Amino acid sequence: GLNRSAIGTLVERTTRFTMLLHLPPMEGHGGPRSKNGPALAGHGAEAVRDAIAATITDLPEQLRRSLTWDQGSETAQHVQLRIDTGLQIYFADPHSPWQRGTNENTNGLLRQYFPRGTGLSRHSKSDLDAVATALNGRPRKTLQWKTPSEVLNEQLLLIQQGGVATTG
């Protein structure tokens, strides 16, 4: 986003269920840089790690076994995230967005709500939750025209009945 603002996205691959992470600017962002001080790119790796850990635990363990990330500096806390959540963490090869196709497709859908070049920091957590609700209620061809919420509910019922949820 504009002025290094950002929104984090977590997309469950089988159901396409989307959770958006509110990432406010880091304290000190936009101020003077101090020599040998912390990188103030706008969103520290710690903030991203904490937002993911707090959000992803809303999913049952069977639906949160792994996370595939790109090679950005916001991923520097991946080891601690793995310890905190038990997630297997994978990294896509540099310049290989097709390795994260579900996420790239979701980012394209998000552009309808957050066009390129707009400031994302003005959106509150409740704004992001409303957009995620809209996306999760949108039928998808890849889900045989079911919504991500419907498919997630089916997966949760399977888990509750002692079946095995499939994670593609």
N, C-alpha and C. Protein backbone atom coordinates (compact mmCIF):
# COMPACT_ATOMS: atom_id res chain seq x y z
N GLY A 1 0.80 -1.19 0.00
CA GLY A 1 0.00 0.00 0.00
C GLY A 1 0.84 1.25 0.00
N LEU A 2 0.17 2.37 -0.04
CA LEU A 2 0.81 3.68 -0.02
C LEU A 2 1.58 3.88 1.28
N ASN A 3 2.73 4.51 1.22
CA ASN A 3 3.56 4.78 2.39
C ASN A 3 3.91 3.51 3.17
N ARG A 4 4.20 2.45 2.44
CA ARG A 4 4.64 1.18 3.04
C ARG A 4 3.59 0.57 3.97
N SER A 5 2.32 0.88 3.77
CA SER A 5 1.26 0.28 4.57
C SER A 5 1.00 -1.13 4.04
N ALA A 6 0.46 -1.98 4.91
CA ALA A 6 0.28 -3.38 4.51
C ALA A 6 -0.89 -4.02 5.24
N ILE A 7 -1.39 -5.06 4.62
CA ILE A 7 -2.39 -5.94 5.21
C ILE A 7 -1.84 -7.35 5.04
N GLY A 8 -1.88 -8.14 6.09
CA GLY A 8 -1.45 -9.52 5.98
C GLY A 8 -2.61 -10.39 5.52
N THR A 9 -2.31 -11.43 4.75
CA THR A 9 -3.35 -12.36 4.30
C THR A 9 -2.97 -13.78 4.69
N LEU A 10 -3.93 -14.48 5.24
CA LEU A 10 -3.81 -15.91 5.48
C LEU A 10 -4.96 -16.56 4.73
N VAL A 11 -4.64 -17.51 3.87
CA VAL A 11 -5.66 -18.18 3.07
C VAL A 11 -5.49 -19.68 3.25
N GLU A 12 -6.53 -20.32 3.77
CA GLU A 12 -6.51 -21.78 3.92
C GLU A 12 -6.68 -22.36 2.53
N ARG A 13 -5.77 -23.22 2.13
CA ARG A 13 -5.67 -23.62 0.73
C ARG A 13 -6.85 -24.46 0.23
N THR A 14 -7.33 -25.37 1.02
CA THR A 14 -8.41 -26.25 0.55
C THR A 14 -9.73 -25.51 0.44
N THR A 15 -10.06 -24.70 1.43
CA THR A 15 -11.36 -24.03 1.48
C THR A 15 -11.33 -22.64 0.88
N ARG A 16 -10.15 -22.06 0.69
CA ARG A 16 -9.95 -20.68 0.24
C ARG A 16 -10.46 -19.67 1.27
N PHE A 17 -10.66 -20.14 2.51
CA PHE A 17 -11.10 -19.25 3.59
C PHE A 17 -10.00 -18.26 3.88
N THR A 18 -10.36 -16.98 3.91
CA THR A 18 -9.40 -15.89 4.02
C THR A 18 -9.52 -15.17 5.35
N MET A 19 -8.37 -14.93 5.96
CA MET A 19 -8.29 -14.13 7.18
C MET A 19 -7.31 -12.99 6.89
N LEU A 20 -7.70 -11.78 7.23
CA LEU A 20 -6.87 -10.62 6.98
C LEU A 20 -6.27 -10.12 8.29
N LEU A 21 -5.00 -9.74 8.22
CA LEU A 21 -4.27 -9.31 9.40
C LEU A 21 -4.09 -7.80 9.38
N HIS A 22 -4.50 -7.17 10.44
CA HIS A 22 -4.31 -5.73 10.58
C HIS A 22 -2.88 -5.48 11.01
N LEU A 23 -2.12 -4.77 10.19
CA LEU A 23 -0.71 -4.50 10.46
C LEU A 23 -0.48 -3.00 10.52
N PRO A 24 -0.69 -2.40 11.70
CA PRO A 24 -0.44 -0.97 11.81
C PRO A 24 1.04 -0.67 11.68
N PRO A 25 1.39 0.56 11.29
CA PRO A 25 2.82 0.89 11.17
C PRO A 25 3.54 0.69 12.50
N MET A 26 4.80 0.31 12.40
CA MET A 26 5.63 0.13 13.59
C MET A 26 5.83 1.47 14.28
N GLU A 27 6.01 1.41 15.60
CA GLU A 27 6.36 2.61 16.35
C GLU A 27 7.67 3.17 15.81
N GLY A 28 7.70 4.45 15.54
CA GLY A 28 8.90 5.07 15.00
C GLY A 28 8.94 5.12 13.48
N HIS A 29 8.00 4.43 12.81
CA HIS A 29 8.00 4.42 11.34
C HIS A 29 7.76 5.83 10.82
N GLY A 30 8.53 6.23 9.86
CA GLY A 30 8.40 7.55 9.27
C GLY A 30 9.24 8.59 9.97
N GLY A 31 9.82 8.25 11.10
CA GLY A 31 10.66 9.18 11.83
C GLY A 31 12.11 9.06 11.39
N PRO A 32 12.99 9.78 12.06
CA PRO A 32 14.41 9.71 11.68
C PRO A 32 14.98 8.33 11.97
N ARG A 33 15.87 7.90 11.12
CA ARG A 33 16.54 6.60 11.28
C ARG A 33 17.71 6.77 12.22
N SER A 34 17.94 5.78 13.05
CA SER A 34 19.12 5.83 13.92
C SER A 34 20.14 4.83 13.39
N LYS A 35 21.39 5.21 13.46
CA LYS A 35 22.45 4.35 12.97
C LYS A 35 22.44 3.05 13.77
N ASN A 36 22.49 1.94 13.06
CA ASN A 36 22.46 0.60 13.66
C ASN A 36 21.18 0.32 14.44
N GLY A 37 20.14 1.10 14.18
CA GLY A 37 18.85 0.87 14.84
C GLY A 37 18.05 -0.18 14.09
N PRO A 38 16.86 -0.48 14.57
CA PRO A 38 16.04 -1.49 13.91
C PRO A 38 15.57 -1.01 12.54
N ALA A 39 15.35 -1.96 11.65
CA ALA A 39 14.80 -1.63 10.34
C ALA A 39 13.36 -1.18 10.54
N LEU A 40 13.02 -0.03 10.01
CA LEU A 40 11.67 0.50 10.17
C LEU A 40 10.98 0.56 8.82
N ALA A 41 10.85 -0.58 8.20
CA ALA A 41 10.21 -0.66 6.89
C ALA A 41 8.70 -0.50 7.00
N GLY A 42 8.17 -0.42 8.20
CA GLY A 42 6.74 -0.23 8.37
C GLY A 42 6.10 -1.34 9.16
N HIS A 43 6.55 -2.55 8.99
CA HIS A 43 5.94 -3.69 9.67
C HIS A 43 7.05 -4.65 10.04
N GLY A 44 7.38 -4.69 11.29
CA GLY A 44 8.46 -5.56 11.73
C GLY A 44 8.06 -7.01 11.66
N ALA A 45 9.06 -7.84 11.57
CA ALA A 45 8.83 -9.28 11.52
C ALA A 45 8.12 -9.75 12.79
N GLU A 46 8.41 -9.11 13.92
CA GLU A 46 7.76 -9.50 15.17
C GLU A 46 6.26 -9.23 15.11
N ALA A 47 5.87 -8.07 14.56
CA ALA A 47 4.45 -7.74 14.46
C ALA A 47 3.72 -8.70 13.53
N VAL A 48 4.37 -9.06 12.42
CA VAL A 48 3.77 -10.01 11.49
C VAL A 48 3.63 -11.37 12.15
N ARG A 49 4.70 -11.82 12.83
CA ARG A 49 4.66 -13.10 13.54
C ARG A 49 3.52 -13.12 14.55
N ASP A 50 3.41 -12.06 15.36
CA ASP A 50 2.37 -12.01 16.38
C ASP A 50 0.97 -12.00 15.78
N ALA A 51 0.79 -11.26 14.67
CA ALA A 51 -0.52 -11.21 14.02
C ALA A 51 -0.91 -12.57 13.45
N ILE A 52 0.05 -13.25 12.85
CA ILE A 52 -0.24 -14.59 12.30
C ILE A 52 -0.57 -15.56 13.43
N ALA A 53 0.25 -15.56 14.46
CA ALA A 53 0.04 -16.49 15.58
C ALA A 53 -1.32 -16.26 16.23
N ALA A 54 -1.71 -15.00 16.40
CA ALA A 54 -2.99 -14.70 17.04
C ALA A 54 -4.17 -15.09 16.15
N THR A 55 -4.01 -14.99 14.84
CA THR A 55 -5.11 -15.24 13.92
C THR A 55 -5.24 -16.70 13.52
N ILE A 56 -4.13 -17.33 13.23
CA ILE A 56 -4.19 -18.69 12.67
C ILE A 56 -4.68 -19.71 13.69
N THR A 57 -4.52 -19.41 14.96
CA THR A 57 -4.98 -20.36 15.98
C THR A 57 -6.50 -20.41 16.07
N ASP A 58 -7.20 -19.54 15.32
CA ASP A 58 -8.66 -19.65 15.23
C ASP A 58 -9.07 -20.87 14.42
N LEU A 59 -8.17 -21.36 13.57
CA LEU A 59 -8.46 -22.56 12.78
C LEU A 59 -8.11 -23.81 13.57
N PRO A 60 -8.85 -24.90 13.40
CA PRO A 60 -8.47 -26.16 14.04
C PRO A 60 -7.10 -26.63 13.53
N GLU A 61 -6.39 -27.36 14.36
CA GLU A 61 -5.05 -27.84 14.00
C GLU A 61 -5.02 -28.56 12.66
N GLN A 62 -6.08 -29.32 12.36
CA GLN A 62 -6.11 -30.08 11.11
C GLN A 62 -6.09 -29.18 9.88
N LEU A 63 -6.46 -27.92 10.04
CA LEU A 63 -6.50 -27.00 8.90
C LEU A 63 -5.36 -25.98 8.93
N ARG A 64 -4.43 -26.14 9.85
CA ARG A 64 -3.31 -25.19 9.93
C ARG A 64 -2.00 -25.94 10.15
N ARG A 65 -1.70 -26.78 9.20
CA ARG A 65 -0.48 -27.59 9.33
C ARG A 65 0.74 -26.93 8.75
N SER A 66 0.57 -26.05 7.76
CA SER A 66 1.75 -25.45 7.15
C SER A 66 1.43 -24.04 6.67
N LEU A 67 2.49 -23.31 6.42
CA LEU A 67 2.40 -21.94 5.92
C LEU A 67 3.47 -21.79 4.85
N THR A 68 3.08 -21.27 3.69
CA THR A 68 4.06 -21.02 2.63
C THR A 68 4.19 -19.52 2.47
N TRP A 69 5.41 -19.05 2.56
CA TRP A 69 5.71 -17.62 2.56
C TRP A 69 6.56 -17.27 1.37
N ASP A 70 6.58 -15.99 1.05
CA ASP A 70 7.54 -15.52 0.06
C ASP A 70 8.84 -15.19 0.80
N GLN A 71 9.75 -14.52 0.15
CA GLN A 71 11.08 -14.30 0.72
C GLN A 71 11.25 -12.92 1.36
N GLY A 72 10.17 -12.28 1.81
CA GLY A 72 10.25 -10.93 2.34
C GLY A 72 10.88 -10.86 3.73
N SER A 73 11.34 -9.67 4.09
CA SER A 73 11.98 -9.47 5.40
C SER A 73 11.00 -9.65 6.55
N GLU A 74 9.70 -9.55 6.28
CA GLU A 74 8.70 -9.74 7.32
C GLU A 74 8.64 -11.19 7.81
N THR A 75 9.35 -12.08 7.13
CA THR A 75 9.35 -13.49 7.50
C THR A 75 10.52 -13.87 8.41
N ALA A 76 11.28 -12.88 8.85
CA ALA A 76 12.49 -13.14 9.62
C ALA A 76 12.22 -13.88 10.93
N GLN A 77 11.02 -13.82 11.44
CA GLN A 77 10.68 -14.48 12.71
C GLN A 77 10.03 -15.85 12.48
N HIS A 78 10.31 -16.49 11.34
CA HIS A 78 9.65 -17.75 11.02
C HIS A 78 9.96 -18.86 12.02
N VAL A 79 11.15 -18.88 12.58
CA VAL A 79 11.50 -19.94 13.53
C VAL A 79 10.64 -19.80 14.78
N GLN A 80 10.51 -18.57 15.29
CA GLN A 80 9.69 -18.37 16.48
C GLN A 80 8.23 -18.64 16.19
N LEU A 81 7.76 -18.29 15.00
CA LEU A 81 6.38 -18.59 14.62
C LEU A 81 6.14 -20.10 14.63
N ARG A 82 7.11 -20.84 14.12
CA ARG A 82 6.97 -22.31 14.13
C ARG A 82 6.90 -22.83 15.55
N ILE A 83 7.71 -22.30 16.43
CA ILE A 83 7.69 -22.72 17.84
C ILE A 83 6.36 -22.35 18.47
N ASP A 84 5.88 -21.13 18.22
CA ASP A 84 4.65 -20.65 18.84
C ASP A 84 3.41 -21.38 18.36
N THR A 85 3.38 -21.79 17.09
CA THR A 85 2.15 -22.34 16.50
C THR A 85 2.24 -23.81 16.09
N GLY A 86 3.44 -24.34 15.98
CA GLY A 86 3.59 -25.71 15.50
C GLY A 86 3.47 -25.83 13.99
N LEU A 87 3.40 -24.73 13.27
CA LEU A 87 3.28 -24.75 11.81
C LEU A 87 4.58 -25.19 11.16
N GLN A 88 4.47 -25.96 10.09
CA GLN A 88 5.60 -26.19 9.20
C GLN A 88 5.66 -24.96 8.31
N ILE A 89 6.84 -24.38 8.17
CA ILE A 89 6.99 -23.16 7.38
C ILE A 89 7.80 -23.50 6.12
N TYR A 90 7.26 -23.12 4.98
CA TYR A 90 7.93 -23.31 3.70
C TYR A 90 8.10 -21.95 3.03
N PHE A 91 9.11 -21.84 2.19
CA PHE A 91 9.35 -20.60 1.46
C PHE A 91 9.28 -20.88 -0.03
N ALA A 92 8.54 -20.04 -0.72
CA ALA A 92 8.50 -20.13 -2.18
C ALA A 92 9.84 -19.64 -2.72
N ASP A 93 10.21 -20.15 -3.88
CA ASP A 93 11.43 -19.68 -4.53
C ASP A 93 11.26 -18.21 -4.91
N PRO A 94 12.35 -17.44 -4.89
CA PRO A 94 12.26 -16.03 -5.29
C PRO A 94 11.69 -15.88 -6.70
N HIS A 95 10.88 -14.87 -6.87
CA HIS A 95 10.28 -14.54 -8.18
C HIS A 95 9.48 -15.71 -8.75
N SER A 96 8.78 -16.45 -7.88
CA SER A 96 7.99 -17.61 -8.31
C SER A 96 6.58 -17.54 -7.71
N PRO A 97 5.78 -16.53 -8.09
CA PRO A 97 4.47 -16.37 -7.47
C PRO A 97 3.53 -17.55 -7.73
N TRP A 98 3.77 -18.32 -8.78
CA TRP A 98 2.91 -19.47 -9.07
C TRP A 98 3.00 -20.53 -7.98
N GLN A 99 4.03 -20.50 -7.16
CA GLN A 99 4.15 -21.46 -6.07
C GLN A 99 3.20 -21.11 -4.91
N ARG A 100 2.62 -19.92 -4.97
CA ARG A 100 1.66 -19.49 -3.96
C ARG A 100 0.40 -19.01 -4.68
N GLY A 101 -0.10 -19.82 -5.57
CA GLY A 101 -1.19 -19.41 -6.44
C GLY A 101 -2.45 -19.00 -5.71
N THR A 102 -2.83 -19.74 -4.67
CA THR A 102 -4.04 -19.40 -3.92
C THR A 102 -3.92 -18.01 -3.32
N ASN A 103 -2.76 -17.72 -2.75
CA ASN A 103 -2.55 -16.40 -2.15
C ASN A 103 -2.54 -15.30 -3.20
N GLU A 104 -1.89 -15.55 -4.33
CA GLU A 104 -1.85 -14.54 -5.39
C GLU A 104 -3.25 -14.28 -5.93
N ASN A 105 -4.05 -15.33 -6.10
CA ASN A 105 -5.43 -15.15 -6.56
C ASN A 105 -6.22 -14.32 -5.54
N THR A 106 -6.04 -14.61 -4.27
CA THR A 106 -6.74 -13.86 -3.22
C THR A 106 -6.30 -12.40 -3.23
N ASN A 107 -5.01 -12.16 -3.41
CA ASN A 107 -4.54 -10.77 -3.49
C ASN A 107 -5.22 -10.04 -4.65
N GLY A 108 -5.43 -10.72 -5.76
CA GLY A 108 -6.14 -10.12 -6.88
C GLY A 108 -7.57 -9.76 -6.51
N LEU A 109 -8.25 -10.64 -5.77
CA LEU A 109 -9.61 -10.34 -5.32
C LEU A 109 -9.61 -9.16 -4.35
N LEU A 110 -8.59 -9.08 -3.51
CA LEU A 110 -8.50 -7.99 -2.54
C LEU A 110 -8.32 -6.63 -3.21
N ARG A 111 -7.75 -6.61 -4.43
CA ARG A 111 -7.55 -5.35 -5.15
C ARG A 111 -8.90 -4.66 -5.44
N GLN A 112 -9.99 -5.43 -5.46
CA GLN A 112 -11.30 -4.83 -5.67
C GLN A 112 -11.69 -3.95 -4.47
N TYR A 113 -11.18 -4.28 -3.31
CA TYR A 113 -11.49 -3.55 -2.09
C TYR A 113 -10.38 -2.55 -1.73
N PHE A 114 -9.16 -2.89 -2.07
CA PHE A 114 -7.99 -2.08 -1.75
C PHE A 114 -7.16 -1.88 -3.01
N PRO A 115 -7.51 -0.90 -3.85
CA PRO A 115 -6.76 -0.71 -5.10
C PRO A 115 -5.29 -0.40 -4.86
N ARG A 116 -4.46 -0.73 -5.83
CA ARG A 116 -3.03 -0.42 -5.75
C ARG A 116 -2.85 1.07 -5.50
N GLY A 117 -1.84 1.38 -4.70
CA GLY A 117 -1.49 2.77 -4.47
C GLY A 117 -2.33 3.48 -3.42
N THR A 118 -3.21 2.75 -2.73
CA THR A 118 -4.00 3.38 -1.67
C THR A 118 -3.36 3.08 -0.33
N GLY A 119 -3.58 3.97 0.61
CA GLY A 119 -3.06 3.78 1.96
C GLY A 119 -3.88 2.73 2.70
N LEU A 120 -3.23 1.67 3.11
CA LEU A 120 -3.95 0.58 3.78
C LEU A 120 -4.05 0.79 5.29
N SER A 121 -3.23 1.67 5.82
CA SER A 121 -3.22 1.86 7.27
C SER A 121 -4.48 2.54 7.78
N ARG A 122 -5.27 3.13 6.90
CA ARG A 122 -6.50 3.79 7.35
C ARG A 122 -7.63 2.79 7.63
N HIS A 123 -7.42 1.53 7.27
CA HIS A 123 -8.45 0.51 7.47
C HIS A 123 -8.28 -0.14 8.84
N SER A 124 -9.38 -0.20 9.57
CA SER A 124 -9.36 -0.79 10.91
C SER A 124 -9.49 -2.31 10.81
N LYS A 125 -9.30 -2.97 11.93
CA LYS A 125 -9.49 -4.42 11.97
C LYS A 125 -10.91 -4.78 11.58
N SER A 126 -11.90 -3.98 12.02
CA SER A 126 -13.29 -4.29 11.65
C SER A 126 -13.52 -4.10 10.15
N ASP A 127 -12.83 -3.14 9.52
CA ASP A 127 -12.92 -3.00 8.06
C ASP A 127 -12.39 -4.26 7.38
N LEU A 128 -11.24 -4.74 7.86
CA LEU A 128 -10.64 -5.94 7.27
C LEU A 128 -11.52 -7.17 7.49
N ASP A 129 -12.12 -7.26 8.67
CA ASP A 129 -13.02 -8.38 8.94
C ASP A 129 -14.22 -8.36 8.00
N ALA A 130 -14.73 -7.17 7.70
CA ALA A 130 -15.87 -7.06 6.78
C ALA A 130 -15.48 -7.51 5.37
N VAL A 131 -14.28 -7.13 4.92
CA VAL A 131 -13.82 -7.55 3.59
C VAL A 131 -13.61 -9.07 3.57
N ALA A 132 -13.02 -9.62 4.63
CA ALA A 132 -12.82 -11.08 4.69
C ALA A 132 -14.16 -11.80 4.67
N THR A 133 -15.15 -11.27 5.37
CA THR A 133 -16.49 -11.87 5.36
C THR A 133 -17.08 -11.86 3.96
N ALA A 134 -16.89 -10.75 3.25
CA ALA A 134 -17.39 -10.66 1.87
C ALA A 134 -16.70 -11.69 0.98
N LEU A 135 -15.37 -11.80 1.09
CA LEU A 135 -14.64 -12.78 0.28
C LEU A 135 -15.05 -14.20 0.62
N ASN A 136 -15.24 -14.47 1.90
CA ASN A 136 -15.58 -15.82 2.32
C ASN A 136 -17.02 -16.19 2.00
N GLY A 137 -17.82 -15.21 1.64
CA GLY A 137 -19.20 -15.47 1.22
C GLY A 137 -19.38 -15.44 -0.29
N ARG A 138 -18.28 -15.37 -1.00
CA ARG A 138 -18.30 -15.26 -2.47
C ARG A 138 -18.09 -16.64 -3.09
N PRO A 139 -19.05 -17.14 -3.88
CA PRO A 139 -18.88 -18.46 -4.50
C PRO A 139 -17.66 -18.49 -5.42
N ARG A 140 -17.00 -19.65 -5.44
CA ARG A 140 -15.80 -19.80 -6.25
C ARG A 140 -15.94 -21.01 -7.17
N LYS A 141 -15.55 -20.83 -8.40
CA LYS A 141 -15.61 -21.92 -9.37
C LYS A 141 -14.79 -23.11 -8.89
N THR A 142 -13.60 -22.83 -8.34
CA THR A 142 -12.71 -23.90 -7.88
C THR A 142 -13.32 -24.72 -6.73
N LEU A 143 -14.35 -24.16 -6.08
CA LEU A 143 -15.04 -24.86 -4.99
C LEU A 143 -16.41 -25.38 -5.44
N GLN A 144 -16.56 -25.61 -6.74
CA GLN A 144 -17.83 -26.04 -7.32
C GLN A 144 -18.96 -25.07 -6.97
N TRP A 145 -18.64 -23.80 -7.02
CA TRP A 145 -19.56 -22.69 -6.77
C TRP A 145 -20.08 -22.62 -5.34
N LYS A 146 -19.37 -23.25 -4.43
CA LYS A 146 -19.65 -23.05 -3.01
C LYS A 146 -18.81 -21.87 -2.53
N THR A 147 -19.17 -21.37 -1.38
CA THR A 147 -18.38 -20.28 -0.80
C THR A 147 -17.29 -20.87 0.09
N PRO A 148 -16.22 -20.13 0.34
CA PRO A 148 -15.20 -20.60 1.28
C PRO A 148 -15.79 -20.90 2.66
N SER A 149 -16.74 -20.10 3.10
CA SER A 149 -17.37 -20.36 4.41
C SER A 149 -18.11 -21.69 4.42
N GLU A 150 -18.80 -22.00 3.34
CA GLU A 150 -19.52 -23.28 3.25
C GLU A 150 -18.54 -24.45 3.29
N VAL A 151 -17.47 -24.35 2.52
CA VAL A 151 -16.49 -25.45 2.46
C VAL A 151 -15.77 -25.59 3.81
N LEU A 152 -15.47 -24.46 4.45
CA LEU A 152 -14.86 -24.53 5.77
C LEU A 152 -15.80 -25.21 6.75
N ASN A 153 -17.08 -24.87 6.71
CA ASN A 153 -18.04 -25.54 7.60
C ASN A 153 -18.10 -27.04 7.35
N GLU A 154 -18.05 -27.44 6.07
CA GLU A 154 -18.02 -28.87 5.75
C GLU A 154 -16.79 -29.54 6.36
N GLN A 155 -15.63 -28.88 6.24
CA GLN A 155 -14.40 -29.42 6.81
C GLN A 155 -14.50 -29.53 8.33
N LEU A 156 -15.06 -28.52 8.96
CA LEU A 156 -15.21 -28.53 10.42
C LEU A 156 -16.16 -29.64 10.87
N LEU A 157 -17.22 -29.88 10.10
CA LEU A 157 -18.13 -30.98 10.43
C LEU A 157 -17.43 -32.33 10.32
N LEU A 158 -16.61 -32.49 9.28
CA LEU A 158 -15.84 -33.72 9.12
C LEU A 158 -14.93 -33.94 10.32
N ILE A 159 -14.26 -32.89 10.75
CA ILE A 159 -13.36 -32.99 11.90
C ILE A 159 -14.15 -33.35 13.14
N GLN A 160 -15.28 -32.70 13.34
CA GLN A 160 -16.12 -32.94 14.51
C GLN A 160 -16.64 -34.37 14.54
N GLN A 161 -16.93 -34.93 13.38
CA GLN A 161 -17.45 -36.29 13.30
C GLN A 161 -16.35 -37.34 13.36
N GLY A 162 -15.13 -36.87 13.56
CA GLY A 162 -14.02 -37.82 13.67
C GLY A 162 -13.41 -38.22 12.34
N GLY A 163 -13.88 -37.59 11.27
CA GLY A 163 -13.30 -37.87 9.96
C GLY A 163 -12.02 -37.09 9.79
N VAL A 164 -11.42 -37.25 8.67
CA VAL A 164 -10.18 -36.55 8.37
C VAL A 164 -10.49 -35.45 7.36
N ALA A 165 -10.18 -34.23 7.72
CA ALA A 165 -10.32 -33.14 6.77
C ALA A 165 -9.21 -33.21 5.76
N THR A 166 -9.54 -32.92 4.53
CA THR A 166 -8.51 -32.93 3.49
C THR A 166 -7.92 -31.55 3.37
N THR A 167 -6.63 -31.48 3.32
CA THR A 167 -5.97 -30.20 3.05
C THR A 167 -5.10 -30.42 1.84
N GLY A 168 -5.51 -29.78 0.73
CA GLY A 168 -4.84 -29.98 -0.55
C GLY A 168 -3.57 -29.32 -0.59
